[in-house]
N, C-alpha and C. Protein backbone atom coordinates (compact mmCIF):
# COMPACT_ATOMS: atom_id res chain seq x y z
N MET A 1 0.83 -1.18 0.00
CA MET A 1 0.00 0.00 0.00
C MET A 1 0.88 1.25 0.00
N LYS A 2 0.53 2.21 -0.81
CA LYS A 2 1.29 3.45 -0.91
C LYS A 2 1.20 4.24 0.40
N ALA A 3 2.35 4.78 0.81
CA ALA A 3 2.40 5.57 2.04
C ALA A 3 3.04 6.94 1.82
N TYR A 4 3.79 7.08 0.72
CA TYR A 4 4.53 8.31 0.46
C TYR A 4 4.60 8.57 -1.04
N CYS A 5 4.69 9.85 -1.41
CA CYS A 5 5.02 10.23 -2.77
C CYS A 5 6.47 10.71 -2.73
N LEU A 6 7.25 10.27 -3.69
CA LEU A 6 8.69 10.47 -3.64
C LEU A 6 9.16 11.40 -4.75
N ASP A 7 9.78 12.51 -4.35
CA ASP A 7 10.47 13.37 -5.29
C ASP A 7 11.88 12.82 -5.48
N THR A 8 12.48 13.05 -6.63
CA THR A 8 13.83 12.54 -6.90
C THR A 8 14.81 12.99 -5.83
N SER A 9 14.72 14.25 -5.41
CA SER A 9 15.65 14.76 -4.40
C SER A 9 15.52 14.05 -3.06
N GLY A 10 14.39 13.38 -2.85
CA GLY A 10 14.19 12.63 -1.61
C GLY A 10 15.18 11.49 -1.46
N LEU A 11 15.72 11.01 -2.59
CA LEU A 11 16.75 9.97 -2.55
C LEU A 11 18.09 10.46 -3.08
N SER A 12 18.09 11.30 -4.10
CA SER A 12 19.37 11.69 -4.73
C SER A 12 20.26 12.48 -3.79
N THR A 13 19.71 13.41 -3.05
CA THR A 13 20.53 14.20 -2.13
C THR A 13 21.07 13.34 -0.98
N PRO A 14 20.23 12.54 -0.32
CA PRO A 14 20.79 11.67 0.74
C PRO A 14 21.85 10.71 0.21
N LEU A 15 21.67 10.20 -1.02
CA LEU A 15 22.68 9.31 -1.60
C LEU A 15 24.03 10.02 -1.73
N GLU A 16 23.98 11.28 -2.06
CA GLU A 16 25.21 12.05 -2.22
C GLU A 16 25.95 12.19 -0.89
N PHE A 17 25.20 12.43 0.18
CA PHE A 17 25.82 12.69 1.47
C PHE A 17 25.91 11.47 2.38
N MET A 18 25.19 10.42 2.04
CA MET A 18 25.20 9.18 2.82
C MET A 18 25.34 8.01 1.85
N PRO A 19 26.52 7.82 1.27
CA PRO A 19 26.68 6.79 0.24
C PRO A 19 26.32 5.39 0.74
N GLU A 20 25.83 4.59 -0.21
CA GLU A 20 25.36 3.24 0.12
C GLU A 20 26.46 2.35 0.70
N ASP A 21 27.70 2.54 0.26
CA ASP A 21 28.76 1.67 0.77
C ASP A 21 29.11 1.97 2.23
N ILE A 22 28.77 3.15 2.72
CA ILE A 22 29.03 3.50 4.12
C ILE A 22 27.78 3.30 4.97
N HIS A 23 26.63 3.62 4.43
CA HIS A 23 25.36 3.57 5.17
C HIS A 23 24.46 2.46 4.61
N SER A 24 25.03 1.29 4.48
CA SER A 24 24.34 0.18 3.79
C SER A 24 23.04 -0.24 4.47
N SER A 25 22.98 -0.22 5.80
CA SER A 25 21.75 -0.67 6.47
C SER A 25 20.59 0.30 6.23
N ILE A 26 20.90 1.58 6.18
CA ILE A 26 19.84 2.56 5.90
C ILE A 26 19.29 2.33 4.49
N TRP A 27 20.19 2.19 3.52
CA TRP A 27 19.74 2.03 2.14
C TRP A 27 19.07 0.69 1.90
N ALA A 28 19.45 -0.33 2.67
CA ALA A 28 18.74 -1.61 2.58
C ALA A 28 17.30 -1.43 3.04
N GLY A 29 17.11 -0.64 4.09
CA GLY A 29 15.75 -0.35 4.57
C GLY A 29 14.93 0.41 3.55
N VAL A 30 15.55 1.37 2.88
CA VAL A 30 14.86 2.13 1.83
C VAL A 30 14.52 1.21 0.66
N ALA A 31 15.45 0.34 0.30
CA ALA A 31 15.17 -0.62 -0.79
C ALA A 31 13.99 -1.51 -0.43
N ASP A 32 13.88 -1.90 0.82
CA ASP A 32 12.73 -2.70 1.27
C ASP A 32 11.42 -1.93 1.08
N LEU A 33 11.44 -0.61 1.36
CA LEU A 33 10.25 0.22 1.17
C LEU A 33 9.87 0.29 -0.30
N ILE A 34 10.88 0.41 -1.16
CA ILE A 34 10.63 0.46 -2.60
C ILE A 34 10.00 -0.85 -3.06
N ALA A 35 10.60 -1.97 -2.66
CA ALA A 35 10.10 -3.29 -3.07
C ALA A 35 8.70 -3.56 -2.52
N ALA A 36 8.40 -3.00 -1.35
CA ALA A 36 7.09 -3.20 -0.74
C ALA A 36 6.00 -2.32 -1.37
N GLY A 37 6.39 -1.43 -2.27
CA GLY A 37 5.40 -0.58 -2.93
C GLY A 37 4.92 0.58 -2.09
N LYS A 38 5.74 1.04 -1.14
CA LYS A 38 5.32 2.13 -0.26
C LYS A 38 5.40 3.51 -0.92
N PHE A 39 6.17 3.62 -2.01
CA PHE A 39 6.33 4.91 -2.67
C PHE A 39 5.49 4.96 -3.94
N ALA A 40 4.94 6.14 -4.20
CA ALA A 40 4.25 6.42 -5.45
C ALA A 40 5.01 7.54 -6.16
N VAL A 41 5.19 7.39 -7.45
CA VAL A 41 5.82 8.43 -8.25
C VAL A 41 5.09 8.58 -9.57
N THR A 42 5.26 9.76 -10.16
CA THR A 42 4.72 10.00 -11.50
C THR A 42 5.72 9.48 -12.53
N THR A 43 5.29 9.40 -13.77
CA THR A 43 6.17 8.98 -14.86
C THR A 43 7.40 9.88 -14.94
N GLU A 44 7.18 11.19 -14.78
CA GLU A 44 8.28 12.15 -14.87
C GLU A 44 9.31 11.92 -13.77
N ILE A 45 8.85 11.69 -12.56
CA ILE A 45 9.77 11.47 -11.44
C ILE A 45 10.45 10.11 -11.60
N TYR A 46 9.72 9.11 -12.07
CA TYR A 46 10.35 7.80 -12.27
C TYR A 46 11.52 7.91 -13.26
N GLU A 47 11.32 8.67 -14.32
CA GLU A 47 12.40 8.84 -15.30
C GLU A 47 13.63 9.45 -14.66
N GLU A 48 13.44 10.41 -13.77
CA GLU A 48 14.57 11.02 -13.05
C GLU A 48 15.22 10.01 -12.12
N LEU A 49 14.41 9.28 -11.37
CA LEU A 49 14.93 8.28 -10.43
C LEU A 49 15.73 7.19 -11.14
N GLY A 50 15.37 6.92 -12.38
CA GLY A 50 16.06 5.90 -13.15
C GLY A 50 17.53 6.21 -13.41
N HIS A 51 17.93 7.43 -13.15
CA HIS A 51 19.34 7.82 -13.33
C HIS A 51 20.17 7.66 -12.06
N LEU A 52 19.54 7.27 -10.95
CA LEU A 52 20.31 7.09 -9.71
C LEU A 52 21.23 5.89 -9.87
N PRO A 53 22.45 6.01 -9.36
CA PRO A 53 23.43 4.94 -9.52
C PRO A 53 23.33 3.88 -8.43
N GLY A 54 24.09 2.82 -8.61
CA GLY A 54 24.30 1.83 -7.57
C GLY A 54 23.11 0.95 -7.27
N PRO A 55 23.18 0.25 -6.14
CA PRO A 55 22.12 -0.70 -5.77
C PRO A 55 20.74 -0.06 -5.64
N ILE A 56 20.66 1.18 -5.12
CA ILE A 56 19.34 1.79 -4.98
C ILE A 56 18.77 2.12 -6.36
N GLY A 57 19.62 2.53 -7.29
CA GLY A 57 19.18 2.75 -8.67
C GLY A 57 18.71 1.46 -9.31
N ASP A 58 19.45 0.38 -9.07
CA ASP A 58 19.04 -0.94 -9.58
C ASP A 58 17.71 -1.37 -8.99
N CYS A 59 17.52 -1.09 -7.72
CA CYS A 59 16.27 -1.44 -7.03
C CYS A 59 15.10 -0.66 -7.64
N ILE A 60 15.32 0.59 -7.92
CA ILE A 60 14.28 1.42 -8.54
C ILE A 60 13.91 0.85 -9.90
N LYS A 61 14.90 0.53 -10.70
CA LYS A 61 14.64 -0.03 -12.04
C LYS A 61 13.91 -1.37 -11.96
N ALA A 62 14.25 -2.18 -10.97
CA ALA A 62 13.62 -3.49 -10.82
C ALA A 62 12.19 -3.40 -10.28
N ASN A 63 11.83 -2.25 -9.74
CA ASN A 63 10.51 -2.10 -9.11
C ASN A 63 9.66 -1.01 -9.75
N GLU A 64 9.83 -0.81 -11.04
CA GLU A 64 9.06 0.22 -11.74
C GLU A 64 7.56 0.07 -11.48
N ALA A 65 7.06 -1.13 -11.56
CA ALA A 65 5.61 -1.36 -11.36
C ALA A 65 5.17 -1.05 -9.94
N ASN A 66 6.07 -1.18 -8.97
CA ASN A 66 5.75 -0.86 -7.58
C ASN A 66 5.78 0.64 -7.30
N LEU A 67 6.41 1.40 -8.17
CA LEU A 67 6.61 2.83 -7.94
C LEU A 67 5.68 3.71 -8.77
N GLN A 68 5.67 3.49 -10.06
CA GLN A 68 5.08 4.43 -11.00
C GLN A 68 3.57 4.23 -11.16
N LEU A 69 2.84 5.34 -11.00
CA LEU A 69 1.41 5.32 -11.29
C LEU A 69 1.20 5.96 -12.65
N GLU A 70 0.51 5.28 -13.51
CA GLU A 70 0.33 5.74 -14.88
C GLU A 70 -1.08 6.26 -15.09
N ILE A 71 -1.15 7.26 -15.96
CA ILE A 71 -2.46 7.78 -16.36
C ILE A 71 -3.25 6.65 -17.03
N GLU A 72 -4.53 6.61 -16.76
CA GLU A 72 -5.49 5.65 -17.31
C GLU A 72 -5.44 4.27 -16.69
N GLU A 73 -4.64 4.08 -15.64
CA GLU A 73 -4.72 2.81 -14.90
C GLU A 73 -5.98 2.86 -14.03
N GLU A 74 -6.70 1.78 -14.01
CA GLU A 74 -8.02 1.73 -13.38
C GLU A 74 -8.01 1.81 -11.85
N PHE A 75 -6.92 1.42 -11.20
CA PHE A 75 -6.94 1.26 -9.74
C PHE A 75 -6.73 2.54 -8.94
N TRP A 76 -6.56 3.68 -9.60
CA TRP A 76 -6.41 4.92 -8.85
C TRP A 76 -7.12 6.06 -9.58
N ASP A 77 -7.35 7.15 -8.87
CA ASP A 77 -8.13 8.26 -9.42
C ASP A 77 -7.23 9.20 -10.24
N TRP A 78 -6.81 8.72 -11.40
CA TRP A 78 -5.91 9.50 -12.23
C TRP A 78 -6.56 10.76 -12.79
N LYS A 79 -7.87 10.74 -12.93
CA LYS A 79 -8.56 11.94 -13.44
C LYS A 79 -8.45 13.08 -12.43
N ALA A 80 -8.56 12.78 -11.14
CA ALA A 80 -8.38 13.80 -10.10
C ALA A 80 -6.94 14.31 -10.10
N TYR A 81 -6.00 13.39 -10.31
CA TYR A 81 -4.59 13.79 -10.40
C TYR A 81 -4.38 14.77 -11.55
N VAL A 82 -4.89 14.45 -12.73
CA VAL A 82 -4.73 15.33 -13.89
C VAL A 82 -5.36 16.69 -13.61
N ALA A 83 -6.53 16.69 -13.00
CA ALA A 83 -7.20 17.96 -12.67
C ALA A 83 -6.37 18.77 -11.67
N ASN A 84 -5.82 18.11 -10.64
CA ASN A 84 -4.97 18.81 -9.67
C ASN A 84 -3.73 19.38 -10.34
N TYR A 85 -3.11 18.60 -11.20
CA TYR A 85 -1.90 19.05 -11.88
C TYR A 85 -2.18 20.24 -12.78
N GLU A 86 -3.23 20.14 -13.59
CA GLU A 86 -3.57 21.24 -14.49
C GLU A 86 -3.90 22.52 -13.72
N GLU A 87 -4.61 22.37 -12.60
CA GLU A 87 -4.93 23.53 -11.76
C GLU A 87 -3.66 24.16 -11.19
N MET A 88 -2.72 23.33 -10.73
CA MET A 88 -1.48 23.85 -10.15
C MET A 88 -0.61 24.53 -11.21
N LYS A 89 -0.60 24.01 -12.42
CA LYS A 89 0.19 24.65 -13.49
C LYS A 89 -0.27 26.08 -13.71
N ILE A 90 -1.55 26.31 -13.63
CA ILE A 90 -2.09 27.67 -13.80
C ILE A 90 -1.86 28.49 -12.53
N LYS A 91 -2.22 27.93 -11.41
CA LYS A 91 -2.14 28.63 -10.12
C LYS A 91 -0.72 29.10 -9.81
N TYR A 92 0.28 28.28 -10.15
CA TYR A 92 1.67 28.58 -9.79
C TYR A 92 2.52 28.94 -11.01
N SER A 93 1.90 29.35 -12.10
CA SER A 93 2.65 29.64 -13.32
C SER A 93 3.74 30.68 -13.12
N SER A 94 3.55 31.61 -12.19
CA SER A 94 4.55 32.66 -11.96
C SER A 94 5.82 32.13 -11.29
N ILE A 95 5.76 30.91 -10.74
CA ILE A 95 6.95 30.35 -10.08
C ILE A 95 7.39 29.02 -10.67
N VAL A 96 6.81 28.63 -11.80
CA VAL A 96 7.25 27.40 -12.47
C VAL A 96 8.48 27.73 -13.31
N SER A 97 9.55 27.05 -13.02
CA SER A 97 10.83 27.31 -13.65
C SER A 97 10.74 27.35 -15.18
N GLU A 98 10.10 26.36 -15.77
CA GLU A 98 10.02 26.27 -17.23
C GLU A 98 9.28 27.44 -17.85
N TYR A 99 8.44 28.11 -17.08
CA TYR A 99 7.69 29.25 -17.60
C TYR A 99 8.41 30.57 -17.34
N ASN A 100 9.52 30.54 -16.60
CA ASN A 100 10.17 31.77 -16.15
C ASN A 100 11.68 31.74 -16.34
N GLY A 101 12.11 31.28 -17.48
CA GLY A 101 13.52 31.30 -17.80
C GLY A 101 14.40 30.45 -16.89
N ASN A 102 13.81 29.36 -16.34
CA ASN A 102 14.53 28.46 -15.43
C ASN A 102 15.15 29.19 -14.24
N ARG A 103 14.40 30.15 -13.71
CA ARG A 103 14.83 30.93 -12.55
C ARG A 103 15.09 30.03 -11.35
N LYS A 104 16.13 30.34 -10.58
CA LYS A 104 16.47 29.56 -9.38
C LYS A 104 15.40 29.73 -8.30
N ASN A 105 15.37 28.75 -7.38
CA ASN A 105 14.45 28.76 -6.24
C ASN A 105 12.99 28.79 -6.67
N THR A 106 12.71 28.05 -7.71
CA THR A 106 11.33 27.90 -8.16
C THR A 106 11.05 26.41 -8.31
N VAL A 107 9.81 26.07 -8.52
CA VAL A 107 9.45 24.68 -8.75
C VAL A 107 9.44 24.40 -10.25
N GLY A 108 9.70 23.16 -10.60
CA GLY A 108 9.59 22.73 -11.98
C GLY A 108 8.27 22.02 -12.19
N LEU A 109 7.95 21.78 -13.44
CA LEU A 109 6.71 21.05 -13.74
C LEU A 109 6.74 19.65 -13.12
N ASN A 110 7.91 18.99 -13.11
CA ASN A 110 8.00 17.67 -12.49
C ASN A 110 7.70 17.75 -10.99
N ASP A 111 8.13 18.84 -10.34
CA ASP A 111 7.81 19.03 -8.93
C ASP A 111 6.29 19.11 -8.73
N LEU A 112 5.64 19.83 -9.62
CA LEU A 112 4.17 19.94 -9.51
C LEU A 112 3.50 18.59 -9.69
N THR A 113 4.09 17.71 -10.53
CA THR A 113 3.45 16.40 -10.72
C THR A 113 3.43 15.62 -9.41
N ILE A 114 4.52 15.66 -8.66
CA ILE A 114 4.57 14.86 -7.43
C ILE A 114 3.69 15.48 -6.34
N ILE A 115 3.60 16.81 -6.32
CA ILE A 115 2.71 17.46 -5.35
C ILE A 115 1.26 17.16 -5.70
N ALA A 116 0.93 17.21 -6.99
CA ALA A 116 -0.44 16.88 -7.42
C ALA A 116 -0.78 15.44 -7.10
N LEU A 117 0.19 14.53 -7.29
CA LEU A 117 -0.04 13.13 -6.95
C LEU A 117 -0.29 12.97 -5.45
N ALA A 118 0.53 13.62 -4.65
CA ALA A 118 0.38 13.54 -3.19
C ALA A 118 -0.97 14.11 -2.75
N LYS A 119 -1.37 15.20 -3.35
CA LYS A 119 -2.67 15.80 -3.02
C LYS A 119 -3.79 14.84 -3.38
N THR A 120 -3.69 14.21 -4.54
CA THR A 120 -4.71 13.27 -5.00
C THR A 120 -4.79 12.05 -4.08
N LEU A 121 -3.64 11.50 -3.73
CA LEU A 121 -3.60 10.28 -2.92
C LEU A 121 -3.67 10.55 -1.42
N LYS A 122 -3.60 11.84 -1.05
CA LYS A 122 -3.60 12.24 0.37
C LYS A 122 -2.42 11.60 1.12
N LEU A 123 -1.23 11.73 0.50
CA LEU A 123 0.00 11.19 1.06
C LEU A 123 1.03 12.30 1.19
N PRO A 124 2.02 12.14 2.07
CA PRO A 124 3.09 13.13 2.16
C PRO A 124 4.06 13.02 1.00
N VAL A 125 4.76 14.12 0.74
CA VAL A 125 5.83 14.15 -0.26
C VAL A 125 7.16 14.07 0.48
N ILE A 126 8.05 13.19 0.00
CA ILE A 126 9.41 13.09 0.51
C ILE A 126 10.32 13.83 -0.46
N SER A 127 11.01 14.86 0.02
CA SER A 127 12.00 15.56 -0.80
C SER A 127 13.09 16.11 0.11
N SER A 128 14.20 16.51 -0.47
CA SER A 128 15.27 17.09 0.33
C SER A 128 15.20 18.62 0.34
N GLU A 129 14.21 19.17 -0.34
CA GLU A 129 14.09 20.62 -0.38
C GLU A 129 13.61 21.16 0.96
N LYS A 130 14.04 22.36 1.24
CA LYS A 130 13.64 23.04 2.48
C LYS A 130 12.76 24.23 2.13
N LYS A 131 11.81 24.49 3.02
CA LYS A 131 10.95 25.64 2.85
C LYS A 131 11.83 26.89 2.84
N LEU A 132 11.52 27.82 1.95
CA LEU A 132 12.30 29.05 1.91
C LEU A 132 12.05 29.84 3.19
N ASN A 133 13.08 30.46 3.66
CA ASN A 133 12.99 31.33 4.84
C ASN A 133 11.92 32.38 4.57
N THR A 134 11.08 32.63 5.56
CA THR A 134 9.98 33.57 5.36
C THR A 134 10.48 34.96 4.98
N MET A 135 11.72 35.30 5.39
CA MET A 135 12.29 36.60 5.00
C MET A 135 12.56 36.61 3.49
N GLN A 136 12.87 35.45 2.92
CA GLN A 136 13.17 35.36 1.50
C GLN A 136 11.93 35.05 0.66
N GLU A 137 10.91 34.55 1.31
CA GLU A 137 9.74 34.08 0.57
C GLU A 137 9.12 35.20 -0.25
N SER A 138 8.83 34.88 -1.45
CA SER A 138 8.15 35.83 -2.31
C SER A 138 7.25 35.04 -3.23
N GLU A 139 6.47 35.74 -3.97
CA GLU A 139 5.60 35.07 -4.93
C GLU A 139 6.38 34.53 -6.12
N LYS A 140 7.66 34.90 -6.25
CA LYS A 140 8.46 34.45 -7.38
C LYS A 140 9.42 33.34 -7.01
N ARG A 141 9.63 33.07 -5.74
CA ARG A 141 10.61 32.09 -5.31
C ARG A 141 9.97 31.16 -4.28
N GLN A 142 9.67 29.94 -4.74
CA GLN A 142 9.08 28.96 -3.84
C GLN A 142 9.57 27.58 -4.25
N LYS A 143 9.59 26.67 -3.28
CA LYS A 143 10.09 25.31 -3.49
C LYS A 143 8.97 24.31 -3.15
N ILE A 144 9.28 23.04 -3.29
CA ILE A 144 8.29 21.99 -3.03
C ILE A 144 7.61 22.14 -1.67
N PRO A 145 8.36 22.34 -0.57
CA PRO A 145 7.66 22.45 0.73
C PRO A 145 6.70 23.64 0.81
N ASP A 146 7.04 24.74 0.13
CA ASP A 146 6.16 25.91 0.12
C ASP A 146 4.84 25.59 -0.58
N ILE A 147 4.93 24.92 -1.74
CA ILE A 147 3.72 24.57 -2.48
C ILE A 147 2.93 23.50 -1.72
N CYS A 148 3.63 22.55 -1.13
CA CYS A 148 2.94 21.53 -0.33
C CYS A 148 2.09 22.19 0.75
N GLU A 149 2.69 23.13 1.45
CA GLU A 149 1.97 23.82 2.52
C GLU A 149 0.72 24.52 1.99
N LYS A 150 0.84 25.18 0.85
CA LYS A 150 -0.30 25.88 0.27
C LYS A 150 -1.39 24.92 -0.19
N GLU A 151 -0.99 23.70 -0.57
CA GLU A 151 -1.95 22.72 -1.08
C GLU A 151 -2.44 21.74 0.00
N GLY A 152 -2.00 21.95 1.25
CA GLY A 152 -2.44 21.07 2.33
C GLY A 152 -1.81 19.69 2.27
N VAL A 153 -0.61 19.59 1.69
CA VAL A 153 0.12 18.33 1.57
C VAL A 153 1.26 18.33 2.58
N VAL A 154 1.42 17.24 3.30
CA VAL A 154 2.52 17.11 4.26
C VAL A 154 3.82 16.94 3.49
N HIS A 155 4.84 17.65 3.92
CA HIS A 155 6.18 17.52 3.33
C HIS A 155 7.09 16.87 4.37
N MET A 156 7.87 15.87 3.95
CA MET A 156 8.79 15.18 4.84
C MET A 156 10.19 15.16 4.22
N SER A 157 11.19 15.21 5.10
CA SER A 157 12.57 15.04 4.67
C SER A 157 12.92 13.55 4.67
N PHE A 158 14.09 13.22 4.15
CA PHE A 158 14.58 11.84 4.18
C PHE A 158 14.68 11.35 5.63
N ASN A 159 15.19 12.20 6.52
CA ASN A 159 15.30 11.81 7.93
C ASN A 159 13.92 11.59 8.56
N ASP A 160 12.93 12.41 8.17
CA ASP A 160 11.56 12.19 8.65
C ASP A 160 11.07 10.81 8.21
N LEU A 161 11.38 10.45 6.97
CA LEU A 161 11.00 9.12 6.45
C LEU A 161 11.67 8.02 7.27
N LEU A 162 12.97 8.15 7.49
CA LEU A 162 13.68 7.12 8.27
C LEU A 162 13.08 6.97 9.66
N ARG A 163 12.77 8.08 10.30
CA ARG A 163 12.15 8.02 11.63
C ARG A 163 10.77 7.37 11.57
N ALA A 164 9.97 7.77 10.60
CA ALA A 164 8.60 7.23 10.48
C ALA A 164 8.63 5.72 10.25
N GLU A 165 9.63 5.24 9.54
CA GLU A 165 9.72 3.83 9.20
C GLU A 165 10.61 3.04 10.16
N GLY A 166 11.21 3.73 11.14
CA GLY A 166 12.07 3.04 12.12
C GLY A 166 13.36 2.50 11.51
N ILE A 167 13.85 3.18 10.48
CA ILE A 167 15.10 2.74 9.82
C ILE A 167 16.27 3.45 10.49
N LYS A 168 17.23 2.64 10.97
CA LYS A 168 18.41 3.19 11.64
C LYS A 168 19.65 2.52 11.11
N SER A 169 20.78 3.20 11.27
CA SER A 169 22.04 2.59 10.82
C SER A 169 22.57 1.63 11.86
């Protein structure tokens, strides 16, 4: 059963700072979550995750069916997802990177897909992004946690995930 929506940064950043060869027990626990089907991702996020190296990348590739939710699959409300995504593209067009010259500290369309999926499934988003400092916050600079908050979606860090799942080194 799905428990989390996973942004690429939810795994890519921790992999960079906590390599699998040093933190093998943590990554084995994450691989177990992947194999158990606890994560949901969009096609766009799955394509990004497919570039992760090493055993966790291999695990992702071996578990595509456990991760990726596809449009027009009967077992989930993909029409609500599409509606949420289309609404967010319009609502947040002023801060979508692809619409604004790839400006820094903005969300990309792929980010909106995972937030829309989380909103549809009523699940938290796992990412390594941090909410922008309120002193810096503006209508032009926002990240995944900022949009999650506006959409009523829980945002979790990798460490939050490890704590929630009882994964320790």
